[in-house]
C-alpha atoms as a PDB file:
ATOM      1  CA  MET A   1      76.447 225.017 181.024  1.00  0.00           C
ATOM      2  CA  PHE A   2      78.111 222.149 179.308  1.00  0.00           C
ATOM      3  CA  SER A   3      80.687 219.983 180.424  1.00  0.00           C
ATOM      4  CA  GLN A   4      84.332 220.578 179.323  1.00  0.00           C
ATOM      5  CA  ASN A   5      83.913 217.748 176.753  1.00  0.00           C
ATOM      6  CA  TYR A   6      80.970 219.601 175.021  1.00  0.00           C
ATOM      7  CA  PHE A   7      81.355 221.874 172.359  1.00  0.00           C
ATOM      8  CA  GLN A   8      78.708 224.341 170.849  1.00  0.00           C
ATOM      9  CA  CYS A   9      78.036 224.302 167.236  1.00  0.00           C
ATOM     10  CA  SER A  10      78.669 227.282 165.174  1.00  0.00           C
ATOM     11  CA  CYS A  11      76.319 226.436 162.395  1.00  0.00           C
ATOM     12  CA  ASP A  12      73.101 228.298 161.844  1.00  0.00           C
ATOM     13  CA  GLU A  13      71.079 225.717 163.930  1.00  0.00           C
ATOM     14  CA  GLY A  14      72.997 226.456 167.074  1.00  0.00           C
ATOM     15  CA  VAL A  15      72.585 222.842 168.175  1.00  0.00           C
ATOM     16  CA  LEU A  16      74.834 220.848 170.267  1.00  0.00           C
ATOM     17  CA  CYS A  17      76.858 218.811 167.671  1.00  0.00           C
ATOM     18  CA  GLY A  18      79.051 216.222 169.510  1.00  0.00           C
ATOM     19  CA  TRP A  19      81.180 215.142 172.340  1.00  0.00           C
ATOM     20  CA  LEU A  20      84.809 214.691 172.395  1.00  0.00           C
ATOM     21  CA  GLY A  21      86.712 212.792 175.194  1.00  0.00           C
ATOM     22  CA  ASN A  22      89.750 215.176 174.739  1.00  0.00           C
ATOM     23  CA  LYS A  23      89.408 218.894 175.018  1.00  0.00           C
ATOM     24  CA  SER A  24      92.566 219.389 172.559  1.00  0.00           C
ATOM     25  CA  HIS A  25      90.431 218.369 169.451  1.00  0.00           C
ATOM     26  CA  PRO A  26      87.745 220.666 167.708  1.00  0.00           C
ATOM     27  CA  PRO A  27      84.355 219.959 167.866  1.00  0.00           C
ATOM     28  CA  LEU A  28      82.763 217.337 165.704  1.00  0.00           C
ATOM     29  CA  VAL A  29      80.915 218.632 162.568  1.00  0.00           C
ATOM     30  CA  CYS A  30      77.306 219.295 162.744  1.00  0.00           C
ATOM     31  CA  ARG A  31      74.129 217.689 161.215  1.00  0.00           C
ATOM     32  CA  GLN A  32      74.417 220.608 158.806  1.00  0.00           C
ATOM     33  CA  THR A  33      77.802 219.671 157.446  1.00  0.00           C
ATOM     34  CA  LEU A  34      77.188 215.574 157.379  1.00  0.00           C
ATOM     35  CA  GLY A  35      73.393 215.379 157.226  1.00  0.00           C
ATOM     36  CA  ASP A  36      71.316 213.866 160.058  1.00  0.00           C
ATOM     37  CA  LEU A  37      73.324 211.361 161.946  1.00  0.00           C
ATOM     38  CA  PRO A  38      71.724 209.436 165.009  1.00  0.00           C
ATOM     39  CA  MET A  39      70.823 211.078 167.949  1.00  0.00           C
ATOM     40  CA  GLY A  40      72.214 210.115 171.224  1.00  0.00           C
ATOM     41  CA  ALA A  41      69.681 208.827 174.116  1.00  0.00           C
ATOM     42  CA  ASN A  42      69.510 212.144 175.624  1.00  0.00           C
ATOM     43  CA  GLN A  43      68.730 213.639 172.545  1.00  0.00           C
ATOM     44  CA  GLN A  44      66.113 211.153 171.580  1.00  0.00           C
ATOM     45  CA  SER A  45      64.480 211.430 175.285  1.00  0.00           C
ATOM     46  CA  SER A  46      64.460 215.477 174.831  1.00  0.00           C
ATOM     47  CA  GLU A  47      62.873 215.224 171.383  1.00  0.00           C
ATOM     48  CA  LEU A  48      60.422 212.979 172.541  1.00  0.00           C
ATOM     49  CA  MET A  49      59.905 215.277 175.652  1.00  0.00           C
ATOM     50  CA  LYS A  50      59.228 218.352 173.433  1.00  0.00           C
ATOM     51  CA  VAL A  51      56.830 216.235 171.120  1.00  0.00           C
ATOM     52  CA  LEU A  52      54.886 215.230 174.090  1.00  0.00           C
ATOM     53  CA  ASP A  53      55.058 218.581 175.604  1.00  0.00           C
ATOM     54  CA  ALA A  54      53.520 220.202 172.578  1.00  0.00           C
ATOM     55  CA  GLU A  55      50.470 217.784 172.842  1.00  0.00           C
ATOM     56  CA  GLU A  56      47.710 220.627 174.191  1.00  0.00           C
ATOM     57  CA  GLY A  57      45.511 217.509 174.703  1.00  0.00           C
ATOM     58  CA  LEU A  58      47.851 215.996 177.172  1.00  0.00           C
ATOM     59  CA  LYS A  59      48.223 219.228 179.113  1.00  0.00           C
ATOM     60  CA  LEU A  60      44.376 219.738 179.489  1.00  0.00           C
ATOM     61  CA  ARG A  61      43.957 216.653 180.751  1.00  0.00           C
ATOM     62  CA  GLY A  62      46.957 216.979 183.684  1.00  0.00           C
ATOM     63  CA  PHE A  63      49.661 214.872 182.024  1.00  0.00           C
ATOM     64  CA  THR A  64      53.016 216.295 181.807  1.00  0.00           C
ATOM     65  CA  ALA A  65      56.296 215.242 180.234  1.00  0.00           C
ATOM     66  CA  SER A  66      59.800 215.651 181.947  1.00  0.00           C
ATOM     67  CA  CYS A  67      63.176 214.856 181.773  1.00  0.00           C
ATOM     68  CA  GLY A  68      64.094 212.613 184.694  1.00  0.00           C
ATOM     69  CA  PRO A  69      67.194 212.185 186.665  1.00  0.00           C
ATOM     70  CA  THR A  70      68.264 209.270 184.394  1.00  0.00           C
ATOM     71  CA  GLY A  71      67.360 210.698 181.324  1.00  0.00           C
ATOM     72  CA  GLY A  72      64.484 209.163 180.832  1.00  0.00           C
ATOM     73  CA  VAL A  73      60.926 211.040 179.990  1.00  0.00           C
ATOM     74  CA  ILE A  74      58.558 210.611 182.986  1.00  0.00           C
ATOM     75  CA  ILE A  75      55.145 210.923 182.195  1.00  0.00           C
ATOM     76  CA  ASP A  76      52.891 211.877 185.143  1.00  0.00           C
ATOM     77  CA  ARG A  77      49.358 213.018 185.771  1.00  0.00           C
ATOM     78  CA  TRP A  78      48.759 215.632 188.778  1.00  0.00           C
ATOM     79  CA  ASN A  79      51.812 214.673 190.149  1.00  0.00           C
ATOM     80  CA  HIS A  80      51.259 210.799 189.927  1.00  0.00           C
ATOM     81  CA  VAL A  81      53.917 209.032 187.726  1.00  0.00           C
ATOM     82  CA  ARG A  82      52.291 206.972 185.010  1.00  0.00           C
ATOM     83  CA  GLY A  83      55.512 205.449 183.701  1.00  0.00           C
ATOM     84  CA  VAL A  84      58.861 206.256 181.900  1.00  0.00           C
ATOM     85  CA  TRP A  85      60.137 206.359 178.487  1.00  0.00           C
ATOM     86  CA  HIS A  86      63.764 205.319 177.752  1.00  0.00           C
ATOM     87  CA  PHE A  87      65.668 205.310 174.646  1.00  0.00           C
ATOM     88  CA  HIS A  88      68.109 202.537 174.433  1.00  0.00           C
ATOM     89  CA  GLU A  89      70.155 201.344 171.379  1.00  0.00           C
ATOM     90  CA  GLY A  90      67.699 202.758 168.985  1.00  0.00           C
ATOM     91  CA  ASN A  91      64.649 202.054 170.411  1.00  0.00           C
ATOM     92  CA  PHE A  92      62.209 203.961 172.834  1.00  0.00           C
ATOM     93  CA  TYR A  93      60.972 201.805 175.773  1.00  0.00           C
ATOM     94  CA  TRP A  94      57.702 202.427 177.897  1.00  0.00           C
ATOM     95  CA  THR A  95      57.761 201.233 181.567  1.00  0.00           C
ATOM     96  CA  PRO A  96      54.781 201.775 183.610  1.00  0.00           C
ATOM     97  CA  ALA A  97      55.157 202.947 187.314  1.00  0.00           C
ATOM     98  CA  GLY A  98      55.453 199.838 189.309  1.00  0.00           C
ATOM     99  CA  TYR A  99      57.055 197.526 186.732  1.00  0.00           C
ATOM    100  CA  ASN A 100      60.380 196.474 186.385  1.00  0.00           C
ATOM    101  CA  GLU A 101      60.751 195.886 182.834  1.00  0.00           C
ATOM    102  CA  PRO A 102      59.148 197.752 179.639  1.00  0.00           C
ATOM    103  CA  ILE A 103      56.023 196.594 178.026  1.00  0.00           C
ATOM    104  CA  PHE A 104      56.274 198.480 174.934  1.00  0.00           C
ATOM    105  CA  ARG A 105      59.133 199.083 172.348  1.00  0.00           C
ATOM    106  CA  THR A 106      59.227 201.174 169.106  1.00  0.00           C
ATOM    107  CA  ASP A 107      61.826 202.568 167.082  1.00  0.00           C
ATOM    108  CA  ASP A 108      60.162 205.571 165.685  1.00  0.00           C
ATOM    109  CA  ILE A 109      59.168 208.455 167.928  1.00  0.00           C
ATOM    110  CA  ARG A 110      56.060 209.191 166.079  1.00  0.00           C
ATOM    111  CA  ARG A 111      54.939 205.560 167.571  1.00  0.00           C
ATOM    112  CA  ALA A 112      56.122 206.690 170.847  1.00  0.00           C
ATOM    113  CA  ARG A 113      53.988 209.800 170.618  1.00  0.00           C
ATOM    114  CA  GLN A 114      50.974 207.645 169.274  1.00  0.00           C
ATOM    115  CA  TYR A 115      51.168 204.898 172.000  1.00  0.00           C
ATOM    116  CA  SER A 116      51.444 207.878 174.685  1.00  0.00           C
ATOM    117  CA  LEU A 117      48.276 209.273 173.475  1.00  0.00           C
ATOM    118  CA  GLU A 118      46.219 206.228 172.885  1.00  0.00           C
ATOM    119  CA  VAL A 119      47.426 203.901 175.376  1.00  0.00           C
ATOM    120  CA  ILE A 120      49.155 205.523 178.329  1.00  0.00           C
ATOM    121  CA  CYS A 121      46.844 208.864 178.552  1.00  0.00           C
ATOM    122  CA  LYS A 122      43.747 207.252 177.897  1.00  0.00           C
ATOM    123  CA  ALA A 123      43.974 204.505 180.792  1.00  0.00           C
END
């Protein structure tokens, strides 16, 4: 399931703890050992997708959140893409469909959720 450079954690959480470029080294220690470390872009995107996917109101209105081929979170409604959330250098960026650049930025996943509910999904 994971590439050869990923290691599965043996902690109680069972989360993927880290990445090493050299398979001869043991896995990195997990969050349970070191506390919460900053998550990578793919992990942040996955977390945002889970948060948005859990919003029943979005589902009822036809919105879905899915991981895109570049690691972003695609927001669509009835198979029409509304835009993409990307995570880069500690921030979530919202780029509407048809735009070349993001129009909104936040460093907080709760604010990204709020923006999605209040702005993106109300339009």
